[in-house]
Amino acid sequence: MAITNYTSPPVKVVFLCQRVPYPPDRGDRITTWHILQHCLLLGAEVRVGCFAEEARDAEALHFLRERCQAVEAPMLRRTPWQKLLSLRGLLTGQALTLPFFRHRALQATVDHWLQNDPPDLIFVYSSSMAQYVLDRRGAKKVMHFAELDSDKWRQFAARSGPIGKWLYGREARTLLAFEAEVARDFDRSLVVSDVEQGLFIKQIPGVVPDVLPNGVDVEHFCSAGDARREPHTLVFTGVMDYEPNVDGVCWFADNCWLALREQFPDAKLLIVGSKPLPAVQALAQRPGIEVTGRVATTPPFFDRATIAIAPLRLARGVQNKVLEALSMGLPVVATPQAAQGLGEVPMGVLRIARTPQATIAHITELWRDPARARSDGQAAASFVRAHWRWQNTYARLDALFAQLGVSPTIRH
């Protein structure tokens, strides 16, 4: 292997995110891992600040510490007590999200990094983590919002009773104010889609974010072939203690599943994802529904299905579950909320259903015409490989680094 002398020292990066950015097994970790990995492969020296949440994170932290200059990951348990403690934000007028993710030891470590070995770049994923570096000068700062978290709270408020409407509405307003402060403090802001960019510009005038789409590991999410597919089988993937996933799959089971089973008595629904809440576990008592819990990898479950569903009613941005299903050669039936971040897609690749009746109709049509389902699935896989590879995202990220003057030096 040839050795190249550096003309300048490696770029130093402080990388902050809510969760341990490995393994890439859920939406935020998929994005943070791929961005972090890209920085490492380009030769950057990276220090990571994040939160551990469960015992199995220890293995992931060991993996990261072998590759990064430093990793600080205090334990954060998303328990009712921790959420109760965040209510102290009511006394200060700030968003409750901020005290929930505030930790003295992590702040001390970040302060030490910034003061004793200043980075060239601070990259933050999720606005709640920006509080650790707000108003700090010296390094270039990039804020990856993905989407505005404040808008998720607005959606929760719209679907809640009087108390929830007030509490979630307050969180939407106060968090938006903080997001605006962050956007104006950082050098660049990133969102995942043109739709999110439009919302951002409307909500935070004067700041135009760059669009950095999610990607798909198309080599991993590649079908083994139609031989394994089980007729009249649907698949839904996602972490099953995440409220939008729980709400979406329960809505589908309550409003669509019985009608489908009446037409197709052998119909099956695979609900694939870790940490299923009791409401999700209870769905396994219904005929034809299988709740897997955590699985080693999801492609074998995609390969059992003929259609993927994404019936999310509370969603923004680009849904990885949709991209992964398309990459696996499955047509997808999705709500407008789950599909909006993808922009224009070829006819038949993605079917939009706004009502239970439309959802049932799309699934029924595909199940009655297996050849059409296969053809649409093949078109879906080709579409993803052309437009949604991670390599496309890396090219945009490299251009952003170059514009900021912090391009990592490639190691040879």
Protein backbone atom coordinates (compact mmCIF):
# COMPACT_ATOMS: atom_id res chain seq x y z
CA MET A 1 0.00 0.00 0.00
CA ALA A 2 1.43 3.37 -1.01
CA ILE A 3 2.09 5.93 1.70
CA THR A 4 1.11 9.51 1.02
CA ASN A 5 2.59 12.38 3.04
CA TYR A 6 -0.03 14.75 4.32
CA THR A 7 0.29 18.35 3.25
CA SER A 8 -1.84 19.28 6.25
CA PRO A 9 -2.97 17.51 9.45
CA PRO A 10 -6.12 15.38 9.36
CA VAL A 11 -9.35 17.29 9.88
CA LYS A 12 -10.56 17.12 13.48
CA VAL A 13 -14.29 16.53 13.93
CA VAL A 14 -16.55 16.62 16.99
CA PHE A 15 -19.63 14.54 16.13
CA LEU A 16 -22.71 14.80 18.38
CA CYS A 17 -25.90 12.72 18.12
CA GLN A 18 -28.59 11.43 20.46
CA ARG A 19 -27.96 7.69 20.18
CA VAL A 20 -24.84 5.61 19.82
CA PRO A 21 -24.32 5.82 16.05
CA TYR A 22 -23.92 2.08 15.54
CA PRO A 23 -25.20 -0.42 14.47
CA PRO A 24 -27.29 1.06 11.63
CA ASP A 25 -30.50 -0.67 12.69
CA ARG A 26 -32.94 2.24 13.01
CA GLY A 27 -33.59 5.51 11.21
CA ASP A 28 -31.33 7.94 13.06
CA ARG A 29 -28.51 5.42 13.52
CA ILE A 30 -28.57 4.55 9.83
CA THR A 31 -27.90 8.18 8.96
CA THR A 32 -25.41 8.96 11.73
CA TRP A 33 -23.39 5.80 11.11
CA HIS A 34 -23.07 6.39 7.38
CA ILE A 35 -22.01 10.02 7.84
CA LEU A 36 -19.59 9.11 10.64
CA GLN A 37 -18.16 6.21 8.66
CA HIS A 38 -17.64 8.45 5.65
CA CYS A 39 -15.69 10.97 7.74
CA LEU A 40 -13.54 8.18 9.15
CA LEU A 41 -12.86 6.68 5.74
CA LEU A 42 -11.76 10.10 4.52
CA GLY A 43 -9.19 10.19 7.29
CA ALA A 44 -10.80 12.57 9.77
CA GLU A 45 -10.01 12.27 13.47
CA VAL A 46 -13.43 12.04 15.09
CA ARG A 47 -14.58 12.47 18.68
CA VAL A 48 -18.14 11.30 19.29
CA GLY A 49 -20.55 12.52 21.95
CA CYS A 50 -23.82 10.60 22.31
CA PHE A 51 -25.99 8.66 24.77
CA ALA A 52 -26.05 4.95 25.52
CA GLU A 53 -29.51 3.59 26.24
CA GLU A 54 -29.19 -0.13 26.88
CA ALA A 55 -26.68 -2.82 27.79
CA ARG A 56 -26.12 -3.92 24.21
CA ASP A 57 -24.72 -0.46 23.41
CA ALA A 58 -21.51 -1.53 25.16
CA GLU A 59 -20.53 -3.69 22.19
CA ALA A 60 -21.25 -0.85 19.77
CA LEU A 61 -19.21 1.58 21.87
CA HIS A 62 -16.26 -0.82 21.83
CA PHE A 63 -16.56 -0.97 18.03
CA LEU A 64 -16.59 2.84 17.78
CA ARG A 65 -13.73 3.40 20.23
CA GLU A 66 -11.50 1.22 18.06
CA ARG A 67 -12.14 3.59 15.16
CA CYS A 68 -12.62 7.04 16.68
CA GLN A 69 -10.23 9.27 18.58
CA ALA A 70 -12.61 9.40 21.56
CA VAL A 71 -16.19 8.47 22.44
CA GLU A 72 -18.19 9.87 25.37
CA ALA A 73 -21.52 8.10 25.90
CA PRO A 74 -23.21 8.50 29.29
CA MET A 75 -26.25 6.35 29.97
CA LEU A 76 -29.64 7.91 29.25
CA ARG A 77 -32.66 5.80 30.11
CA ARG A 78 -35.86 6.90 28.41
CA THR A 79 -37.91 6.13 31.51
CA PRO A 80 -41.03 7.89 32.85
CA TRP A 81 -38.82 9.33 35.64
CA GLN A 82 -36.38 10.84 33.13
CA LYS A 83 -39.31 12.32 31.22
CA LEU A 84 -40.74 13.70 34.46
CA LEU A 85 -37.41 15.40 35.20
CA SER A 86 -37.60 17.14 31.84
CA LEU A 87 -40.72 18.96 33.09
CA ARG A 88 -38.39 21.38 34.82
CA GLY A 89 -38.33 23.06 31.45
CA LEU A 90 -41.77 24.40 32.34
CA LEU A 91 -40.08 26.54 34.98
CA THR A 92 -37.52 27.99 32.59
CA GLY A 93 -39.75 28.48 29.56
CA GLN A 94 -37.63 26.23 27.37
CA ALA A 95 -38.58 23.18 25.33
CA LEU A 96 -38.85 20.05 27.49
CA THR A 97 -36.69 18.18 24.99
CA LEU A 98 -33.62 20.16 26.05
CA PRO A 99 -33.33 19.17 29.75
CA PHE A 100 -34.18 15.59 28.76
CA PHE A 101 -30.99 15.43 26.67
CA ARG A 102 -28.83 17.63 28.94
CA HIS A 103 -26.02 15.85 30.81
CA ARG A 104 -23.29 17.48 32.90
CA ALA A 105 -20.60 14.90 32.17
CA LEU A 106 -21.18 15.05 28.43
CA GLN A 107 -21.12 18.85 28.51
CA ALA A 108 -17.85 18.79 30.47
CA THR A 109 -16.29 16.42 27.93
CA VAL A 110 -17.42 18.50 24.96
CA ASP A 111 -16.08 21.65 26.66
CA HIS A 112 -12.75 19.89 27.18
CA TRP A 113 -12.58 18.84 23.53
CA LEU A 114 -13.33 22.35 22.31
CA GLN A 115 -10.93 24.11 24.65
CA ASN A 116 -7.94 21.76 24.73
CA ASP A 117 -7.87 20.35 21.20
CA PRO A 118 -10.16 22.55 19.10
CA PRO A 119 -11.84 20.79 16.17
CA ASP A 120 -12.06 22.04 12.62
CA LEU A 121 -15.66 20.87 12.29
CA ILE A 122 -18.55 20.30 14.68
CA PHE A 123 -21.24 18.07 13.15
CA VAL A 124 -24.48 17.75 15.11
CA TYR A 125 -27.36 15.39 14.33
CA SER A 126 -30.69 16.28 16.00
CA SER A 127 -31.38 19.76 17.29
CA SER A 128 -31.49 18.68 20.96
CA MET A 129 -27.72 18.03 20.82
CA ALA A 130 -26.94 21.53 19.57
CA GLN A 131 -27.23 22.87 23.12
CA TYR A 132 -23.75 21.46 23.83
CA VAL A 133 -22.05 23.74 21.30
CA LEU A 134 -24.43 26.69 20.92
CA ASP A 135 -22.66 30.06 20.65
CA ARG A 136 -19.24 28.39 20.39
CA ARG A 137 -16.90 29.94 17.85
CA GLY A 138 -13.80 28.74 16.03
CA ALA A 139 -14.86 25.55 14.30
CA LYS A 140 -17.22 25.33 11.37
CA LYS A 141 -20.59 24.03 12.59
CA VAL A 142 -23.06 21.89 10.64
CA MET A 143 -26.52 21.14 12.06
CA HIS A 144 -28.25 18.10 10.56
CA PHE A 145 -31.88 18.63 11.49
CA ALA A 146 -33.10 15.83 9.19
CA GLU A 147 -36.53 17.35 9.75
CA LEU A 148 -37.86 19.91 12.21
CA ASP A 149 -38.64 18.02 15.41
CA SER A 150 -40.97 20.85 16.40
CA ASP A 151 -43.31 19.86 13.59
CA LYS A 152 -43.65 16.33 14.99
CA TRP A 153 -44.89 17.83 18.26
CA ARG A 154 -47.33 19.96 16.26
CA GLN A 155 -48.68 16.76 14.69
CA PHE A 156 -49.01 15.12 18.12
CA ALA A 157 -50.89 18.18 19.40
CA ALA A 158 -53.32 18.03 16.50
CA ARG A 159 -54.26 14.44 17.41
CA SER A 160 -54.45 14.86 21.19
CA GLY A 161 -57.02 15.77 23.82
CA PRO A 162 -57.03 19.08 25.71
CA ILE A 163 -54.02 18.36 27.96
CA GLY A 164 -51.94 16.85 25.16
CA LYS A 165 -52.93 19.66 22.82
CA TRP A 166 -51.62 22.21 25.32
CA LEU A 167 -48.43 20.34 26.30
CA TYR A 168 -47.48 19.21 22.80
CA GLY A 169 -48.43 22.58 21.36
CA ARG A 170 -46.16 24.29 23.87
CA GLU A 171 -43.32 21.92 22.96
CA ALA A 172 -43.83 22.65 19.26
CA ARG A 173 -43.60 26.41 19.83
CA THR A 174 -40.65 26.42 22.24
CA LEU A 175 -38.68 23.84 20.28
CA LEU A 176 -39.21 25.77 17.04
CA ALA A 177 -37.82 28.87 18.73
CA PHE A 178 -34.73 26.88 19.76
CA GLU A 179 -34.38 25.35 16.28
CA ALA A 180 -34.43 28.85 14.81
CA GLU A 181 -31.71 29.96 17.24
CA VAL A 182 -29.60 26.96 16.28
CA ALA A 183 -30.09 27.47 12.55
CA ARG A 184 -28.89 31.07 12.81
CA ASP A 185 -25.92 30.12 15.00
CA PHE A 186 -24.57 27.28 12.82
CA ASP A 187 -22.73 27.73 9.52
CA ARG A 188 -24.94 25.24 7.65
CA SER A 189 -28.24 23.49 8.28
CA LEU A 190 -29.21 20.21 6.63
CA VAL A 191 -32.59 18.58 5.97
CA VAL A 192 -33.42 15.34 4.18
CA SER A 193 -35.80 16.41 1.41
CA ASP A 194 -37.15 19.27 -0.67
CA VAL A 195 -40.40 19.06 1.30
CA GLU A 196 -38.51 19.58 4.56
CA GLN A 197 -36.56 22.42 3.00
CA GLY A 198 -39.80 24.18 2.06
CA LEU A 199 -41.21 23.78 5.58
CA PHE A 200 -37.92 24.96 7.11
CA ILE A 201 -37.84 28.15 5.01
CA LYS A 202 -41.43 28.89 5.99
CA GLN A 203 -40.88 28.27 9.70
CA ILE A 204 -37.40 29.81 10.00
CA PRO A 205 -37.21 32.78 7.61
CA GLY A 206 -33.76 33.90 6.57
CA VAL A 207 -32.10 30.48 6.67
CA VAL A 208 -32.05 28.21 3.61
CA PRO A 209 -30.95 24.68 4.55
CA ASP A 210 -29.08 22.33 2.24
CA VAL A 211 -30.79 19.08 1.28
CA LEU A 212 -28.83 15.96 2.23
CA PRO A 213 -31.01 12.95 1.42
CA ASN A 214 -30.83 9.64 3.23
CA GLY A 215 -29.41 6.72 1.33
CA VAL A 216 -29.83 2.97 1.10
CA ASP A 217 -27.21 0.25 1.40
CA VAL A 218 -28.37 -1.37 -1.83
CA GLU A 219 -25.94 -4.27 -1.49
CA HIS A 220 -27.42 -5.22 1.88
CA PHE A 221 -31.03 -4.55 0.93
CA CYS A 222 -30.99 -6.78 -2.15
CA SER A 223 -33.58 -9.50 -2.68
CA ALA A 224 -32.52 -13.14 -2.78
CA GLY A 225 -35.28 -13.72 -5.33
CA ASP A 226 -38.99 -14.40 -5.59
CA ALA A 227 -38.70 -18.05 -4.57
CA ARG A 228 -38.94 -17.13 -0.89
CA ARG A 229 -41.96 -14.87 -1.20
CA GLU A 230 -45.13 -16.02 0.50
CA PRO A 231 -48.39 -15.12 -1.30
CA HIS A 232 -50.64 -12.54 0.33
CA THR A 233 -47.99 -11.45 2.81
CA LEU A 234 -47.34 -7.89 3.97
CA VAL A 235 -44.34 -6.58 5.89
CA PHE A 236 -43.95 -3.55 8.16
CA THR A 237 -40.54 -2.73 9.64
CA GLY A 238 -39.48 -0.30 12.34
CA VAL A 239 -38.60 0.11 15.99
CA MET A 240 -41.83 -0.81 17.71
CA ASP A 241 -41.66 1.46 20.75
CA TYR A 242 -41.58 4.53 18.49
CA GLU A 243 -44.98 6.20 18.65
CA PRO A 244 -45.46 6.89 14.90
CA ASN A 245 -44.71 3.21 14.13
CA VAL A 246 -47.02 1.98 16.89
CA ASP A 247 -49.80 4.34 15.82
CA GLY A 248 -49.43 3.41 12.15
CA VAL A 249 -49.40 -0.37 12.46
CA CYS A 250 -52.24 -0.39 15.01
CA TRP A 251 -54.30 1.87 12.75
CA PHE A 252 -53.72 -0.54 9.87
CA ALA A 253 -54.63 -3.58 11.96
CA ASP A 254 -57.82 -1.93 13.24
CA ASN A 255 -59.01 -0.45 9.96
CA CYS A 256 -57.70 -2.64 7.12
CA TRP A 257 -56.67 -6.09 8.28
CA LEU A 258 -60.08 -7.71 8.79
CA ALA A 259 -61.28 -6.70 5.32
CA LEU A 260 -58.12 -8.11 3.75
CA ARG A 261 -58.44 -11.39 5.66
CA GLU A 262 -62.02 -11.74 4.47
CA GLN A 263 -60.85 -11.59 0.86
CA PHE A 264 -57.61 -13.53 1.39
CA PRO A 265 -57.97 -16.01 4.30
CA ASP A 266 -54.27 -16.92 4.08
CA ALA A 267 -53.16 -13.28 4.37
CA LYS A 268 -50.22 -12.59 6.68
CA LEU A 269 -48.80 -9.42 8.21
CA LEU A 270 -45.19 -9.46 9.43
CA ILE A 271 -44.47 -6.73 12.00
CA VAL A 272 -40.68 -6.70 12.20
CA GLY A 273 -38.85 -4.59 14.75
CA SER A 274 -37.39 -4.39 18.22
CA LYS A 275 -39.04 -3.39 21.50
CA PRO A 276 -42.71 -3.99 20.58
CA LEU A 277 -44.96 -2.26 23.10
CA PRO A 278 -47.89 -4.20 24.61
CA ALA A 279 -50.28 -2.67 22.06
CA VAL A 280 -48.13 -4.12 19.27
CA GLN A 281 -47.59 -7.47 21.00
CA ALA A 282 -51.37 -7.81 21.32
CA LEU A 283 -51.69 -7.70 17.52
CA ALA A 284 -50.07 -11.15 17.39
CA GLN A 285 -53.32 -12.54 18.83
CA ARG A 286 -55.14 -11.64 15.61
CA PRO A 287 -55.26 -14.23 12.84
CA GLY A 288 -52.40 -13.94 10.38
CA ILE A 289 -50.33 -11.34 12.26
CA GLU A 290 -46.77 -12.16 13.33
CA VAL A 291 -44.84 -9.84 15.68
CA THR A 292 -41.15 -10.75 15.57
CA GLY A 293 -39.46 -8.45 18.06
CA ARG A 294 -35.77 -7.80 17.41
CA VAL A 295 -34.31 -9.69 14.46
CA ALA A 296 -30.69 -10.08 13.36
CA THR A 297 -31.39 -8.57 9.95
CA THR A 298 -34.52 -7.54 8.04
CA PRO A 299 -33.89 -8.61 4.40
CA PRO A 300 -35.13 -12.19 4.97
CA PHE A 301 -38.46 -10.78 6.17
CA PHE A 302 -38.75 -8.44 3.21
CA ASP A 303 -38.12 -11.49 1.02
CA ARG A 304 -41.05 -13.34 2.59
CA ALA A 305 -43.46 -10.57 1.59
CA THR A 306 -45.08 -9.48 -1.64
CA ILE A 307 -45.94 -5.94 -0.50
CA ALA A 308 -44.52 -3.57 2.11
CA ILE A 309 -46.76 -1.14 3.96
CA ALA A 310 -45.96 2.22 5.56
CA PRO A 311 -49.28 3.39 7.09
CA LEU A 312 -47.70 6.19 9.12
CA ARG A 313 -49.97 9.05 10.14
CA LEU A 314 -47.30 10.91 12.15
CA ALA A 315 -44.27 11.26 9.90
CA ARG A 316 -41.93 13.67 8.20
CA GLY A 317 -38.79 13.41 6.15
CA VAL A 318 -37.60 10.35 4.27
CA GLN A 319 -38.66 7.00 5.70
CA ASN A 320 -35.83 4.45 5.62
CA LYS A 321 -38.36 1.62 5.86
CA VAL A 322 -39.82 2.71 2.52
CA LEU A 323 -36.44 3.00 0.80
CA GLU A 324 -35.34 -0.39 2.13
CA ALA A 325 -38.53 -2.09 0.95
CA LEU A 326 -38.20 -0.56 -2.51
CA SER A 327 -34.55 -1.64 -2.66
CA MET A 328 -35.68 -5.19 -1.80
CA GLY A 329 -37.91 -5.21 -4.88
CA LEU A 330 -41.24 -4.69 -3.14
CA PRO A 331 -44.05 -2.36 -4.17
CA VAL A 332 -45.00 -0.15 -1.22
CA VAL A 333 -48.43 1.07 -0.10
CA ALA A 334 -47.91 4.17 2.01
CA THR A 335 -49.71 7.16 3.47
CA PRO A 336 -48.87 10.60 2.06
CA GLN A 337 -46.98 11.37 5.28
CA ALA A 338 -44.69 8.37 4.83
CA ALA A 339 -44.07 9.06 1.15
CA GLN A 340 -43.71 12.82 0.95
CA GLY A 341 -39.93 12.95 1.33
CA LEU A 342 -39.24 10.80 -1.74
CA GLY A 343 -40.42 13.32 -4.31
CA GLU A 344 -41.45 11.96 -7.69
CA VAL A 345 -41.19 8.20 -8.18
CA PRO A 346 -42.06 6.06 -11.21
CA MET A 347 -45.68 5.02 -11.71
CA GLY A 348 -46.55 1.91 -9.71
CA VAL A 349 -43.44 1.89 -7.53
CA LEU A 350 -45.15 3.63 -4.64
CA ARG A 351 -48.91 3.67 -4.10
CA ILE A 352 -50.31 6.48 -1.95
CA ALA A 353 -53.33 5.66 0.20
CA ARG A 354 -55.08 8.36 2.23
CA THR A 355 -57.88 6.20 3.65
CA PRO A 356 -58.41 2.61 4.83
CA GLN A 357 -60.48 1.96 1.72
CA ALA A 358 -57.69 3.12 -0.58
CA THR A 359 -55.13 1.08 1.36
CA ILE A 360 -57.26 -2.07 1.04
CA ALA A 361 -57.87 -1.40 -2.65
CA HIS A 362 -54.17 -1.02 -3.51
CA ILE A 363 -53.17 -4.17 -1.64
CA THR A 364 -56.04 -6.14 -3.15
CA GLU A 365 -55.11 -5.04 -6.66
CA LEU A 366 -51.50 -6.14 -6.25
CA TRP A 367 -52.40 -9.47 -4.65
CA ARG A 368 -54.80 -10.26 -7.49
CA ASP A 369 -52.13 -9.48 -10.07
CA PRO A 370 -48.85 -11.08 -8.87
CA ALA A 371 -47.13 -10.40 -12.20
CA ARG A 372 -47.85 -6.68 -11.82
CA ALA A 373 -46.56 -6.75 -8.24
CA ARG A 374 -43.31 -8.37 -9.38
CA SER A 375 -42.90 -5.91 -12.22
CA ASP A 376 -43.52 -2.92 -9.95
CA GLY A 377 -41.08 -4.35 -7.43
CA GLN A 378 -38.36 -4.67 -10.02
CA ALA A 379 -38.97 -1.06 -11.06
CA ALA A 380 -38.74 -0.05 -7.40
CA ALA A 381 -35.34 -1.70 -6.96
CA SER A 382 -34.01 -0.06 -10.13
CA PHE A 383 -35.30 3.34 -9.01
CA VAL A 384 -33.57 3.12 -5.63
CA ARG A 385 -30.29 1.99 -7.15
CA ALA A 386 -30.34 4.90 -9.56
CA HIS A 387 -31.30 7.66 -7.12
CA TRP A 388 -30.88 6.65 -3.48
CA ARG A 389 -27.46 5.03 -3.05
CA TRP A 390 -25.42 6.34 -0.14
CA GLN A 391 -22.71 7.23 -2.64
CA ASN A 392 -24.98 10.01 -3.94
CA THR A 393 -25.31 11.39 -0.41
CA TYR A 394 -21.54 11.19 0.16
CA ALA A 395 -20.93 13.30 -2.96
CA ARG A 396 -23.18 16.04 -1.59
CA LEU A 397 -21.51 15.82 1.81
CA ASP A 398 -18.05 16.11 0.23
CA ALA A 399 -19.15 19.22 -1.66
CA LEU A 400 -20.44 20.75 1.59
CA PHE A 401 -17.15 20.04 3.39
CA ALA A 402 -15.23 21.61 0.52
CA GLN A 403 -17.38 24.75 0.64
CA LEU A 404 -16.68 25.06 4.36
CA GLY A 405 -12.95 24.50 3.87
CA VAL A 406 -12.88 21.40 6.08
CA SER A 407 -12.43 18.60 3.55
CA PRO A 408 -10.97 15.50 5.29
CA THR A 409 -7.73 14.22 3.77
CA ILE A 410 -8.12 10.83 2.12
CA ARG A 411 -5.79 8.16 3.56
CA HIS A 412 -3.94 6.01 0.99
